[in-house]
Amino acid sequence: MGSIHIPSEIINNALGGLGVIGGIHFTVAQLREAIDELKSLLRDPSLPFGVDLLIPKVGGSARKTNVDYTKGNLDELVQVIIEGGAKLFVCAVGIPPKRVVDKLHAAGVLYMNMVGHPKHVPRACSVGADMICAQGAEAGGHTGEIPTSVLIPACSDICTKQRSQFTGRQVLLVAAGGIGDGRGLASALMLGADAVWVGTRFVTARESGSPQISKRAIIEAGFDSTIRSTFWTGRPLRALASPYVLDWETRRKEEMKALEGKGIVVMPHEMEKLHNRGELSEDIEDQAALRPMGYVSGLVNKADQTAAEIVTEMMEVASGLLRGTNKYFVSAKL
């Protein structure tokens, strides 16, 4: 999620999880290095892992603040993903070109697309999606407006009618947004998901490379501590709120809209302007910092758990809840 660093190897090493490298802004060399580092830390080199790239539509009717995060190197990055042995490619904030999906499938790599609205599911499936990750508005990072509890059933209705062109099986559905414990996992499965995508909870893991300030912010967060704003990237993104960001979202809202209408992303623009004027204080810089976290941060209150402990706890709680659903059925008395 954004600038938060959750080493993918800790997820892969944690009782069967599948970690995904967030490749936003990575150069070809940086992505290759990240993959090599991950593989060197896996307890078993054959464990699967994925790579996530942002591929938004640029130009035309798209947001004026959208940019090519791959800097024209999409094909080269995809080649590195294939050569590095990734088993999953994840596309976010857009749909990849079909030629890219075909190339991935030819190399045996599965393709999952993140979506925040049901309307994007058929589009992703039309270019060959094997999995859909439906991320509700509660999630940290880039996200849409539809709550997870509504988005998952809606996407499930579509996925059950779609077939992967690569596997020949039904397109799988992964749920994201507001899932940080076993209750969230059980709920997502009951809503129609086949698996879950968890971010915020793992930021606090002992092995996580995230700064202590980011870990502490999640542990201390309440249910009103986050905000969904275009301030940081020009796209709606949920992260830790601050008085400075809230000021932009209220008093300076029209100013923000005007800048974005010109294709200017507020945060980097404002930081550069203040720096050039000699007015950029440490306090403003800290308040403007991007610290992605979801609504579920209000429920995350255990510091320094290992990734394995988090996974085990989630699985045990979810298993108990799912087994306990029998109590809602009344046996007929003959």
C-alpha atoms as a PDB file:
ATOM      1  CA  MET A   1       0.000   0.000   0.000  1.00  0.00           C
ATOM      2  CA  GLY A   2       1.617   3.193  -1.168  1.00  0.00           C
ATOM      3  CA  SER A   3       4.813   3.941   0.730  1.00  0.00           C
ATOM      4  CA  ILE A   4       4.188   1.204   3.280  1.00  0.00           C
ATOM      5  CA  HIS A   5       6.675  -1.666   2.996  1.00  0.00           C
ATOM      6  CA  ILE A   6       5.468  -5.153   3.840  1.00  0.00           C
ATOM      7  CA  PRO A   7       8.137  -7.629   2.700  1.00  0.00           C
ATOM      8  CA  SER A   8       6.346 -10.191   0.547  1.00  0.00           C
ATOM      9  CA  GLU A   9       8.541 -12.997   1.822  1.00  0.00           C
ATOM     10  CA  ILE A  10       7.056 -12.726   5.325  1.00  0.00           C
ATOM     11  CA  ILE A  11       3.620 -13.415   3.896  1.00  0.00           C
ATOM     12  CA  ASN A  12       4.827 -16.301   1.746  1.00  0.00           C
ATOM     13  CA  ASN A  13       6.659 -17.815   4.684  1.00  0.00           C
ATOM     14  CA  ALA A  14       3.629 -17.434   6.944  1.00  0.00           C
ATOM     15  CA  LEU A  15       1.684 -20.679   6.689  1.00  0.00           C
ATOM     16  CA  GLY A  16       0.892 -20.637   2.994  1.00  0.00           C
ATOM     17  CA  GLY A  17       0.179 -16.977   2.311  1.00  0.00           C
ATOM     18  CA  LEU A  18       0.970 -15.534  -1.107  1.00  0.00           C
ATOM     19  CA  GLY A  19       2.866 -12.255  -0.925  1.00  0.00           C
ATOM     20  CA  VAL A  20       2.751  -9.635  -3.654  1.00  0.00           C
ATOM     21  CA  ILE A  21       5.459  -7.090  -4.448  1.00  0.00           C
ATOM     22  CA  GLY A  22       4.052  -3.598  -4.941  1.00  0.00           C
ATOM     23  CA  GLY A  23       5.928  -2.422  -8.027  1.00  0.00           C
ATOM     24  CA  ILE A  24       4.670   1.166  -8.167  1.00  0.00           C
ATOM     25  CA  HIS A  25       7.322   3.541  -9.598  1.00  0.00           C
ATOM     26  CA  PHE A  26       9.828   0.673  -9.909  1.00  0.00           C
ATOM     27  CA  THR A  27      12.329   0.820 -12.738  1.00  0.00           C
ATOM     28  CA  VAL A  28      13.151  -2.411 -14.548  1.00  0.00           C
ATOM     29  CA  ALA A  29      16.342  -2.765 -12.501  1.00  0.00           C
ATOM     30  CA  GLN A  30      14.568  -2.038  -9.208  1.00  0.00           C
ATOM     31  CA  LEU A  31      11.876  -4.625  -9.878  1.00  0.00           C
ATOM     32  CA  ARG A  32      14.453  -7.247 -10.784  1.00  0.00           C
ATOM     33  CA  GLU A  33      16.334  -6.479  -7.571  1.00  0.00           C
ATOM     34  CA  ALA A  34      13.135  -6.675  -5.488  1.00  0.00           C
ATOM     35  CA  ILE A  35      12.252 -10.076  -6.948  1.00  0.00           C
ATOM     36  CA  ASP A  36      15.770 -11.420  -6.397  1.00  0.00           C
ATOM     37  CA  GLU A  37      15.735 -10.192  -2.797  1.00  0.00           C
ATOM     38  CA  LEU A  38      12.348 -11.787  -2.121  1.00  0.00           C
ATOM     39  CA  LYS A  39      13.426 -15.146  -3.527  1.00  0.00           C
ATOM     40  CA  SER A  40      16.611 -15.118  -1.454  1.00  0.00           C
ATOM     41  CA  LEU A  41      14.551 -14.795   1.732  1.00  0.00           C
ATOM     42  CA  LEU A  42      11.931 -17.463   1.038  1.00  0.00           C
ATOM     43  CA  ARG A  43      12.206 -20.594   3.185  1.00  0.00           C
ATOM     44  CA  ASP A  44      11.391 -22.537   0.018  1.00  0.00           C
ATOM     45  CA  PRO A  45      12.501 -21.040  -3.339  1.00  0.00           C
ATOM     46  CA  SER A  46       9.552 -22.719  -5.057  1.00  0.00           C
ATOM     47  CA  LEU A  47       6.942 -20.763  -3.065  1.00  0.00           C
ATOM     48  CA  PRO A  48       4.691 -18.655  -5.305  1.00  0.00           C
ATOM     49  CA  PHE A  49       4.667 -14.858  -5.224  1.00  0.00           C
ATOM     50  CA  GLY A  50       3.125 -12.060  -7.239  1.00  0.00           C
ATOM     51  CA  VAL A  51       3.889  -8.583  -8.544  1.00  0.00           C
ATOM     52  CA  ASP A  52       1.459  -5.671  -8.547  1.00  0.00           C
ATOM     53  CA  LEU A  53       1.664  -2.797 -11.054  1.00  0.00           C
ATOM     54  CA  LEU A  54      -0.527   0.289 -11.440  1.00  0.00           C
ATOM     55  CA  ILE A  55      -1.739   0.662 -15.030  1.00  0.00           C
ATOM     56  CA  PRO A  56      -4.258   3.522 -15.157  1.00  0.00           C
ATOM     57  CA  LYS A  57      -5.754   4.876 -18.342  1.00  0.00           C
ATOM     58  CA  VAL A  58      -3.890   8.015 -19.379  1.00  0.00           C
ATOM     59  CA  GLY A  59      -5.350  10.745 -21.577  1.00  0.00           C
ATOM     60  CA  GLY A  60      -8.762  10.987 -23.184  1.00  0.00           C
ATOM     61  CA  SER A  61     -11.588  10.791 -20.653  1.00  0.00           C
ATOM     62  CA  ALA A  62      -9.292   9.619 -17.830  1.00  0.00           C
ATOM     63  CA  ARG A  63      -8.421  11.690 -14.778  1.00  0.00           C
ATOM     64  CA  LYS A  64      -6.034  14.460 -15.748  1.00  0.00           C
ATOM     65  CA  THR A  65      -3.821  13.492 -12.817  1.00  0.00           C
ATOM     66  CA  ASN A  66      -3.351   9.942 -14.117  1.00  0.00           C
ATOM     67  CA  VAL A  67       0.209   9.142 -15.120  1.00  0.00           C
ATOM     68  CA  ASP A  68       2.043   6.196 -16.612  1.00  0.00           C
ATOM     69  CA  TYR A  69       3.594   4.713 -13.489  1.00  0.00           C
ATOM     70  CA  THR A  70       5.653   2.345 -15.653  1.00  0.00           C
ATOM     71  CA  LYS A  71       7.202   5.284 -17.544  1.00  0.00           C
ATOM     72  CA  GLY A  72       6.730   3.476 -20.834  1.00  0.00           C
ATOM     73  CA  ASN A  73       8.421   0.309 -19.582  1.00  0.00           C
ATOM     74  CA  LEU A  74       5.385  -1.946 -19.127  1.00  0.00           C
ATOM     75  CA  ASP A  75       6.596  -4.627 -21.538  1.00  0.00           C
ATOM     76  CA  GLU A  76      10.057  -4.663 -19.977  1.00  0.00           C
ATOM     77  CA  LEU A  77       8.602  -4.871 -16.464  1.00  0.00           C
ATOM     78  CA  VAL A  78       6.340  -7.746 -17.495  1.00  0.00           C
ATOM     79  CA  GLN A  79       9.350  -9.562 -18.943  1.00  0.00           C
ATOM     80  CA  VAL A  80      11.161  -9.184 -15.602  1.00  0.00           C
ATOM     81  CA  ILE A  81       8.086 -10.555 -13.808  1.00  0.00           C
ATOM     82  CA  ILE A  82       8.109 -13.598 -16.071  1.00  0.00           C
ATOM     83  CA  GLU A  83      11.860 -14.163 -15.897  1.00  0.00           C
ATOM     84  CA  GLY A  84      11.776 -13.717 -12.121  1.00  0.00           C
ATOM     85  CA  GLY A  85       9.392 -16.633 -11.745  1.00  0.00           C
ATOM     86  CA  ALA A  86       6.335 -14.813 -10.406  1.00  0.00           C
ATOM     87  CA  LYS A  87       3.165 -16.910 -10.464  1.00  0.00           C
ATOM     88  CA  LEU A  88       0.731 -13.999 -10.243  1.00  0.00           C
ATOM     89  CA  PHE A  89       0.476 -10.595 -11.900  1.00  0.00           C
ATOM     90  CA  VAL A  90      -1.821  -8.050 -10.262  1.00  0.00           C
ATOM     91  CA  CYS A  91      -3.089  -4.999 -12.110  1.00  0.00           C
ATOM     92  CA  ALA A  92      -4.520  -2.065 -10.159  1.00  0.00           C
ATOM     93  CA  VAL A  93      -6.324   1.199 -11.071  1.00  0.00           C
ATOM     94  CA  GLY A  94      -6.857   0.054 -14.634  1.00  0.00           C
ATOM     95  CA  ILE A  95      -7.003  -2.841 -17.091  1.00  0.00           C
ATOM     96  CA  PRO A  96      -3.837  -4.124 -18.811  1.00  0.00           C
ATOM     97  CA  PRO A  97      -3.550  -4.465 -22.596  1.00  0.00           C
ATOM     98  CA  LYS A  98      -4.605  -7.914 -23.818  1.00  0.00           C
ATOM     99  CA  ARG A  99      -1.186  -8.478 -25.377  1.00  0.00           C
ATOM    100  CA  VAL A 100       0.328  -8.224 -21.886  1.00  0.00           C
ATOM    101  CA  VAL A 101      -2.136 -10.758 -20.469  1.00  0.00           C
ATOM    102  CA  ASP A 102      -1.502 -13.131 -23.374  1.00  0.00           C
ATOM    103  CA  LYS A 103       2.244 -12.872 -22.778  1.00  0.00           C
ATOM    104  CA  LEU A 104       1.802 -13.617 -19.072  1.00  0.00           C
ATOM    105  CA  HIS A 105      -0.459 -16.591 -19.736  1.00  0.00           C
ATOM    106  CA  ALA A 106       1.983 -17.977 -22.305  1.00  0.00           C
ATOM    107  CA  ALA A 107       4.575 -17.991 -19.524  1.00  0.00           C
ATOM    108  CA  GLY A 108       2.203 -19.642 -17.044  1.00  0.00           C
ATOM    109  CA  VAL A 109       1.552 -16.516 -14.975  1.00  0.00           C
ATOM    110  CA  LEU A 110      -1.955 -15.928 -13.619  1.00  0.00           C
ATOM    111  CA  TYR A 111      -3.532 -12.471 -13.889  1.00  0.00           C
ATOM    112  CA  MET A 112      -5.639 -10.797 -11.190  1.00  0.00           C
ATOM    113  CA  ASN A 113      -7.260  -7.389 -11.520  1.00  0.00           C
ATOM    114  CA  MET A 114      -8.152  -5.090  -8.630  1.00  0.00           C
ATOM    115  CA  VAL A 115     -11.590  -3.488  -8.958  1.00  0.00           C
ATOM    116  CA  GLY A 116     -13.633  -1.076  -6.881  1.00  0.00           C
ATOM    117  CA  HIS A 117     -16.839  -1.337  -8.904  1.00  0.00           C
ATOM    118  CA  PRO A 118     -18.694  -4.341 -10.373  1.00  0.00           C
ATOM    119  CA  LYS A 119     -18.697  -2.721 -13.827  1.00  0.00           C
ATOM    120  CA  HIS A 120     -14.949  -3.308 -14.115  1.00  0.00           C
ATOM    121  CA  VAL A 121     -15.235  -7.094 -13.681  1.00  0.00           C
ATOM    122  CA  PRO A 122     -16.503  -7.899 -17.217  1.00  0.00           C
ATOM    123  CA  ARG A 123     -13.845  -5.622 -18.712  1.00  0.00           C
ATOM    124  CA  ALA A 124     -11.065  -7.392 -16.834  1.00  0.00           C
ATOM    125  CA  CYS A 125     -12.477 -10.792 -17.769  1.00  0.00           C
ATOM    126  CA  SER A 126     -12.659  -9.773 -21.425  1.00  0.00           C
ATOM    127  CA  VAL A 127      -8.866  -9.452 -21.568  1.00  0.00           C
ATOM    128  CA  GLY A 128      -8.320 -12.714 -19.679  1.00  0.00           C
ATOM    129  CA  ALA A 129      -8.571 -12.209 -15.911  1.00  0.00           C
ATOM    130  CA  ASP A 130      -8.150 -15.416 -13.914  1.00  0.00           C
ATOM    131  CA  MET A 131      -8.973 -13.701 -10.630  1.00  0.00           C
ATOM    132  CA  ILE A 132     -10.697 -10.532  -9.508  1.00  0.00           C
ATOM    133  CA  CYS A 133      -9.762  -8.727  -6.307  1.00  0.00           C
ATOM    134  CA  ALA A 134     -12.755  -6.635  -5.277  1.00  0.00           C
ATOM    135  CA  GLN A 135     -11.581  -3.937  -2.903  1.00  0.00           C
ATOM    136  CA  GLY A 136     -14.180  -2.068  -0.884  1.00  0.00           C
ATOM    137  CA  ALA A 137     -14.075   1.560   0.199  1.00  0.00           C
ATOM    138  CA  GLU A 138     -12.862   0.567   3.673  1.00  0.00           C
ATOM    139  CA  ALA A 139      -9.463  -0.425   2.280  1.00  0.00           C
ATOM    140  CA  GLY A 140      -6.225   1.462   2.680  1.00  0.00           C
ATOM    141  CA  GLY A 141      -4.550   2.745  -0.475  1.00  0.00           C
ATOM    142  CA  HIS A 142      -6.320   3.454  -3.764  1.00  0.00           C
ATOM    143  CA  THR A 143      -9.946   2.470  -3.460  1.00  0.00           C
ATOM    144  CA  GLY A 144     -13.443   3.129  -4.740  1.00  0.00           C
ATOM    145  CA  GLU A 145     -16.658   4.194  -3.019  1.00  0.00           C
ATOM    146  CA  ILE A 146     -18.604   0.925  -2.668  1.00  0.00           C
ATOM    147  CA  PRO A 147     -18.424  -0.833   0.740  1.00  0.00           C
ATOM    148  CA  THR A 148     -16.957  -4.328   0.848  1.00  0.00           C
ATOM    149  CA  SER A 149     -20.233  -5.820   2.111  1.00  0.00           C
ATOM    150  CA  VAL A 150     -21.973  -4.698  -1.088  1.00  0.00           C
ATOM    151  CA  LEU A 151     -19.100  -4.993  -3.553  1.00  0.00           C
ATOM    152  CA  ILE A 152     -18.226  -8.646  -2.859  1.00  0.00           C
ATOM    153  CA  PRO A 153     -21.709 -10.131  -3.494  1.00  0.00           C
ATOM    154  CA  ALA A 154     -22.102  -7.938  -6.581  1.00  0.00           C
ATOM    155  CA  CYS A 155     -18.778  -9.078  -8.025  1.00  0.00           C
ATOM    156  CA  SER A 156     -19.465 -12.678  -6.996  1.00  0.00           C
ATOM    157  CA  ASP A 157     -22.650 -12.666  -9.072  1.00  0.00           C
ATOM    158  CA  ILE A 158     -20.548 -11.740 -12.108  1.00  0.00           C
ATOM    159  CA  CYS A 159     -17.552 -13.987 -11.434  1.00  0.00           C
ATOM    160  CA  THR A 160     -19.717 -17.096 -11.099  1.00  0.00           C
ATOM    161  CA  LYS A 161     -20.705 -16.602 -14.750  1.00  0.00           C
ATOM    162  CA  GLN A 162     -17.171 -15.960 -16.029  1.00  0.00           C
ATOM    163  CA  ARG A 163     -14.559 -18.477 -17.109  1.00  0.00           C
ATOM    164  CA  SER A 164     -10.822 -17.927 -17.157  1.00  0.00           C
ATOM    165  CA  GLN A 165      -9.562 -18.177 -20.728  1.00  0.00           C
ATOM    166  CA  PHE A 166      -6.325 -19.594 -19.327  1.00  0.00           C
ATOM    167  CA  THR A 167      -7.392 -22.103 -16.659  1.00  0.00           C
ATOM    168  CA  GLY A 168     -10.813 -22.941 -18.061  1.00  0.00           C
ATOM    169  CA  ARG A 169     -12.209 -22.605 -14.551  1.00  0.00           C
ATOM    170  CA  GLN A 170     -14.540 -20.092 -12.961  1.00  0.00           C
ATOM    171  CA  VAL A 171     -12.903 -16.727 -12.335  1.00  0.00           C
ATOM    172  CA  LEU A 172     -11.917 -16.610  -8.664  1.00  0.00           C
ATOM    173  CA  LEU A 173     -12.895 -13.733  -6.391  1.00  0.00           C
ATOM    174  CA  VAL A 174     -10.599 -12.270  -3.754  1.00  0.00           C
ATOM    175  CA  ALA A 175     -12.049  -9.837  -1.200  1.00  0.00           C
ATOM    176  CA  ALA A 176     -10.218  -6.785   0.137  1.00  0.00           C
ATOM    177  CA  GLY A 177     -11.076  -3.851   2.340  1.00  0.00           C
ATOM    178  CA  GLY A 178     -11.852  -3.967   6.050  1.00  0.00           C
ATOM    179  CA  ILE A 179     -10.420  -7.460   6.535  1.00  0.00           C
ATOM    180  CA  GLY A 180      -8.011  -7.655   9.434  1.00  0.00           C
ATOM    181  CA  ASP A 181      -9.045 -10.633  11.532  1.00  0.00           C
ATOM    182  CA  GLY A 182     -10.814 -13.983  11.384  1.00  0.00           C
ATOM    183  CA  ARG A 183     -14.232 -12.368  11.519  1.00  0.00           C
ATOM    184  CA  GLY A 184     -13.459 -10.389   8.383  1.00  0.00           C
ATOM    185  CA  LEU A 185     -12.146 -13.523   6.671  1.00  0.00           C
ATOM    186  CA  ALA A 186     -15.243 -15.558   7.548  1.00  0.00           C
ATOM    187  CA  SER A 187     -17.523 -12.723   6.488  1.00  0.00           C
ATOM    188  CA  ALA A 188     -15.778 -12.357   3.121  1.00  0.00           C
ATOM    189  CA  LEU A 189     -16.127 -16.074   2.399  1.00  0.00           C
ATOM    190  CA  MET A 190     -19.827 -15.966   3.261  1.00  0.00           C
ATOM    191  CA  LEU A 191     -20.279 -12.974   0.944  1.00  0.00           C
ATOM    192  CA  GLY A 192     -18.975 -15.035  -1.962  1.00  0.00           C
ATOM    193  CA  ALA A 193     -15.200 -14.590  -1.950  1.00  0.00           C
ATOM    194  CA  ASP A 194     -12.758 -17.445  -2.492  1.00  0.00           C
ATOM    195  CA  ALA A 195      -9.900 -15.766  -0.618  1.00  0.00           C
ATOM    196  CA  VAL A 196      -8.918 -12.469   0.995  1.00  0.00           C
ATOM    197  CA  TRP A 197      -6.312  -9.760   0.428  1.00  0.00           C
ATOM    198  CA  VAL A 198      -5.008  -8.259   3.682  1.00  0.00           C
ATOM    199  CA  GLY A 199      -2.831  -5.161   3.923  1.00  0.00           C
ATOM    200  CA  THR A 200      -3.233  -2.961   7.000  1.00  0.00           C
ATOM    201  CA  ARG A 201      -2.940  -5.800   9.526  1.00  0.00           C
ATOM    202  CA  PHE A 202       0.403  -6.944   8.121  1.00  0.00           C
ATOM    203  CA  VAL A 203       1.928  -3.466   8.222  1.00  0.00           C
ATOM    204  CA  THR A 204       2.181  -3.949  11.991  1.00  0.00           C
ATOM    205  CA  ALA A 205       3.853  -7.374  11.736  1.00  0.00           C
ATOM    206  CA  ARG A 206       7.193  -7.764  13.486  1.00  0.00           C
ATOM    207  CA  GLU A 207       8.947  -8.601  10.218  1.00  0.00           C
ATOM    208  CA  SER A 208       7.412  -5.660   8.356  1.00  0.00           C
ATOM    209  CA  GLY A 209       9.915  -3.127   7.059  1.00  0.00           C
ATOM    210  CA  SER A 210       7.469  -0.273   7.547  1.00  0.00           C
ATOM    211  CA  PRO A 211       8.679   2.633   9.702  1.00  0.00           C
ATOM    212  CA  GLN A 212       7.770   2.420  13.374  1.00  0.00           C
ATOM    213  CA  ILE A 213       5.786   5.640  13.001  1.00  0.00           C
ATOM    214  CA  SER A 214       3.528   3.901  10.453  1.00  0.00           C
ATOM    215  CA  LYS A 215       3.110   0.824  12.640  1.00  0.00           C
ATOM    216  CA  ARG A 216       2.336   2.940  15.679  1.00  0.00           C
ATOM    217  CA  ALA A 217      -0.162   5.051  13.731  1.00  0.00           C
ATOM    218  CA  ILE A 218      -2.192   1.939  12.890  1.00  0.00           C
ATOM    219  CA  ILE A 219      -2.106   0.557  16.433  1.00  0.00           C
ATOM    220  CA  GLU A 220      -3.205   3.924  17.842  1.00  0.00           C
ATOM    221  CA  ALA A 221      -5.776   4.679  15.128  1.00  0.00           C
ATOM    222  CA  GLY A 222      -9.458   4.982  15.851  1.00  0.00           C
ATOM    223  CA  PHE A 223     -12.378   4.574  13.480  1.00  0.00           C
ATOM    224  CA  ASP A 224     -12.201   8.227  12.420  1.00  0.00           C
ATOM    225  CA  SER A 225      -8.453   8.321  11.829  1.00  0.00           C
ATOM    226  CA  THR A 226      -8.440   7.793   8.068  1.00  0.00           C
ATOM    227  CA  ILE A 227      -9.551   9.841   5.105  1.00  0.00           C
ATOM    228  CA  ARG A 228     -10.196   8.995   1.462  1.00  0.00           C
ATOM    229  CA  SER A 229      -8.612  11.773  -0.553  1.00  0.00           C
ATOM    230  CA  THR A 230      -7.043  12.616  -3.913  1.00  0.00           C
ATOM    231  CA  PHE A 231      -4.506  14.830  -2.109  1.00  0.00           C
ATOM    232  CA  TRP A 232      -1.571  12.411  -2.348  1.00  0.00           C
ATOM    233  CA  THR A 233      -1.774  10.905  -5.853  1.00  0.00           C
ATOM    234  CA  GLY A 234      -4.649  12.556  -7.700  1.00  0.00           C
ATOM    235  CA  ARG A 235      -6.689   9.380  -7.292  1.00  0.00           C
ATOM    236  CA  PRO A 236      -8.956   8.485  -4.318  1.00  0.00           C
ATOM    237  CA  LEU A 237      -6.750   6.897  -1.684  1.00  0.00           C
ATOM    238  CA  ARG A 238      -7.408   6.061   1.970  1.00  0.00           C
ATOM    239  CA  ALA A 239      -4.679   6.904   4.463  1.00  0.00           C
ATOM    240  CA  LEU A 240      -4.047   8.450   7.869  1.00  0.00           C
ATOM    241  CA  ALA A 241      -5.764  11.812   8.161  1.00  0.00           C
ATOM    242  CA  SER A 242      -4.064  14.918   9.547  1.00  0.00           C
ATOM    243  CA  PRO A 243      -5.181  18.512  10.167  1.00  0.00           C
ATOM    244  CA  TYR A 244      -3.178  19.586   7.114  1.00  0.00           C
ATOM    245  CA  VAL A 245      -4.852  17.097   4.764  1.00  0.00           C
ATOM    246  CA  LEU A 246      -8.269  17.765   6.298  1.00  0.00           C
ATOM    247  CA  ASP A 247      -7.748  21.480   5.601  1.00  0.00           C
ATOM    248  CA  TRP A 248      -7.239  20.683   1.920  1.00  0.00           C
ATOM    249  CA  GLU A 249     -10.361  18.516   1.932  1.00  0.00           C
ATOM    250  CA  THR A 250     -12.485  21.295   3.452  1.00  0.00           C
ATOM    251  CA  ARG A 251     -11.301  24.899   3.308  1.00  0.00           C
ATOM    252  CA  ARG A 252      -9.050  24.398   0.270  1.00  0.00           C
ATOM    253  CA  LYS A 253     -11.254  21.885  -1.569  1.00  0.00           C
ATOM    254  CA  GLU A 254     -11.921  24.156  -4.556  1.00  0.00           C
ATOM    255  CA  GLU A 255      -8.224  24.970  -4.832  1.00  0.00           C
ATOM    256  CA  MET A 256      -7.467  21.246  -4.929  1.00  0.00           C
ATOM    257  CA  LYS A 257     -10.075  20.671  -7.649  1.00  0.00           C
ATOM    258  CA  ALA A 258      -8.616  23.505  -9.726  1.00  0.00           C
ATOM    259  CA  LEU A 259      -5.107  22.074  -9.513  1.00  0.00           C
ATOM    260  CA  GLU A 260      -6.273  18.555 -10.350  1.00  0.00           C
ATOM    261  CA  GLY A 261      -8.236  19.933 -13.287  1.00  0.00           C
ATOM    262  CA  LYS A 262      -4.887  21.042 -14.698  1.00  0.00           C
ATOM    263  CA  GLY A 263      -3.369  17.608 -14.096  1.00  0.00           C
ATOM    264  CA  ILE A 264      -1.476  18.734 -10.986  1.00  0.00           C
ATOM    265  CA  VAL A 265      -1.284  16.396  -7.980  1.00  0.00           C
ATOM    266  CA  VAL A 266      -1.595  18.533  -4.855  1.00  0.00           C
ATOM    267  CA  MET A 267       0.830  16.938  -2.400  1.00  0.00           C
ATOM    268  CA  PRO A 268       4.068  16.967  -4.446  1.00  0.00           C
ATOM    269  CA  HIS A 269       3.118  20.326  -5.996  1.00  0.00           C
ATOM    270  CA  GLU A 270       2.507  21.969  -2.620  1.00  0.00           C
ATOM    271  CA  MET A 271       5.587  20.462  -0.974  1.00  0.00           C
ATOM    272  CA  GLU A 272       7.799  21.743  -3.800  1.00  0.00           C
ATOM    273  CA  LYS A 273       6.189  25.189  -3.671  1.00  0.00           C
ATOM    274  CA  LEU A 274       6.668  25.495   0.092  1.00  0.00           C
ATOM    275  CA  HIS A 275      10.237  24.203  -0.182  1.00  0.00           C
ATOM    276  CA  ASN A 276      11.117  26.787  -2.833  1.00  0.00           C
ATOM    277  CA  ARG A 277       9.707  29.526  -0.600  1.00  0.00           C
ATOM    278  CA  GLY A 278      11.602  28.244   2.409  1.00  0.00           C
ATOM    279  CA  GLU A 279       8.285  27.602   4.177  1.00  0.00           C
ATOM    280  CA  LEU A 280       8.315  23.794   4.338  1.00  0.00           C
ATOM    281  CA  SER A 281       8.406  22.882   8.021  1.00  0.00           C
ATOM    282  CA  GLU A 282       8.984  19.420   9.457  1.00  0.00           C
ATOM    283  CA  ASP A 283       5.472  19.538  10.887  1.00  0.00           C
ATOM    284  CA  ILE A 284       3.839  20.186   7.505  1.00  0.00           C
ATOM    285  CA  GLU A 285       6.019  17.556   5.858  1.00  0.00           C
ATOM    286  CA  ASP A 286       5.025  15.019   8.505  1.00  0.00           C
ATOM    287  CA  GLN A 287       1.309  15.849   8.253  1.00  0.00           C
ATOM    288  CA  ALA A 288       1.410  15.576   4.455  1.00  0.00           C
ATOM    289  CA  ALA A 289       3.206  12.212   4.509  1.00  0.00           C
ATOM    290  CA  LEU A 290       1.348   9.309   2.931  1.00  0.00           C
ATOM    291  CA  ARG A 291       0.587   6.590   5.484  1.00  0.00           C
ATOM    292  CA  PRO A 292      -1.956   4.249   3.854  1.00  0.00           C
ATOM    293  CA  MET A 293      -4.253   2.359   6.198  1.00  0.00           C
ATOM    294  CA  GLY A 294      -7.797   1.082   6.038  1.00  0.00           C
ATOM    295  CA  TYR A 295     -10.775   1.543   8.322  1.00  0.00           C
ATOM    296  CA  VAL A 296      -9.816  -1.766   9.909  1.00  0.00           C
ATOM    297  CA  SER A 297      -6.928   0.027  11.635  1.00  0.00           C
ATOM    298  CA  GLY A 298      -9.480   0.836  14.333  1.00  0.00           C
ATOM    299  CA  LEU A 299      -9.615  -2.890  15.124  1.00  0.00           C
ATOM    300  CA  VAL A 300      -5.873  -3.549  14.907  1.00  0.00           C
ATOM    301  CA  ASN A 301      -4.462  -3.209  18.419  1.00  0.00           C
ATOM    302  CA  LYS A 302      -1.863  -5.967  18.771  1.00  0.00           C
ATOM    303  CA  ALA A 303       1.658  -4.737  18.199  1.00  0.00           C
ATOM    304  CA  ASP A 304       4.675  -6.823  17.208  1.00  0.00           C
ATOM    305  CA  GLN A 305       2.885 -10.032  16.213  1.00  0.00           C
ATOM    306  CA  THR A 306       4.724 -12.149  13.680  1.00  0.00           C
ATOM    307  CA  ALA A 307       3.125 -12.714  10.282  1.00  0.00           C
ATOM    308  CA  ALA A 308       2.679 -16.381  11.170  1.00  0.00           C
ATOM    309  CA  GLU A 309       0.874 -15.441  14.381  1.00  0.00           C
ATOM    310  CA  ILE A 310      -1.448 -13.116  12.471  1.00  0.00           C
ATOM    311  CA  VAL A 311      -2.283 -15.775   9.885  1.00  0.00           C
ATOM    312  CA  THR A 312      -2.790 -18.477  12.521  1.00  0.00           C
ATOM    313  CA  GLU A 313      -5.063 -16.243  14.576  1.00  0.00           C
ATOM    314  CA  MET A 314      -7.134 -15.292  11.535  1.00  0.00           C
ATOM    315  CA  MET A 315      -7.522 -18.900  10.426  1.00  0.00           C
ATOM    316  CA  GLU A 316      -8.451 -20.206  13.875  1.00  0.00           C
ATOM    317  CA  VAL A 317     -11.067 -17.518  14.476  1.00  0.00           C
ATOM    318  CA  ALA A 318     -12.541 -17.872  10.983  1.00  0.00           C
ATOM    319  CA  SER A 319     -12.679 -21.676  11.259  1.00  0.00           C
ATOM    320  CA  GLY A 320     -14.465 -21.475  14.588  1.00  0.00           C
ATOM    321  CA  LEU A 321     -17.013 -19.006  13.274  1.00  0.00           C
ATOM    322  CA  LEU A 322     -17.735 -20.983  10.118  1.00  0.00           C
ATOM    323  CA  ARG A 323     -18.168 -24.214  12.065  1.00  0.00           C
ATOM    324  CA  GLY A 324     -20.428 -22.394  14.475  1.00  0.00           C
ATOM    325  CA  THR A 325     -22.931 -21.424  11.788  1.00  0.00           C
ATOM    326  CA  ASN A 326     -24.714 -24.732  12.453  1.00  0.00           C
ATOM    327  CA  LYS A 327     -26.265 -23.175  15.538  1.00  0.00           C
ATOM    328  CA  TYR A 328     -28.461 -21.030  13.303  1.00  0.00           C
ATOM    329  CA  PHE A 329     -30.181 -24.107  11.868  1.00  0.00           C
ATOM    330  CA  VAL A 330     -32.996 -25.728  13.822  1.00  0.00           C
ATOM    331  CA  SER A 331     -33.291 -29.486  13.408  1.00  0.00           C
ATOM    332  CA  ALA A 332     -36.768 -30.656  12.472  1.00  0.00           C
ATOM    333  CA  LYS A 333     -38.425 -32.792  15.164  1.00  0.00           C
ATOM    334  CA  LEU A 334     -40.304 -35.761  13.729  1.00  0.00           C
END
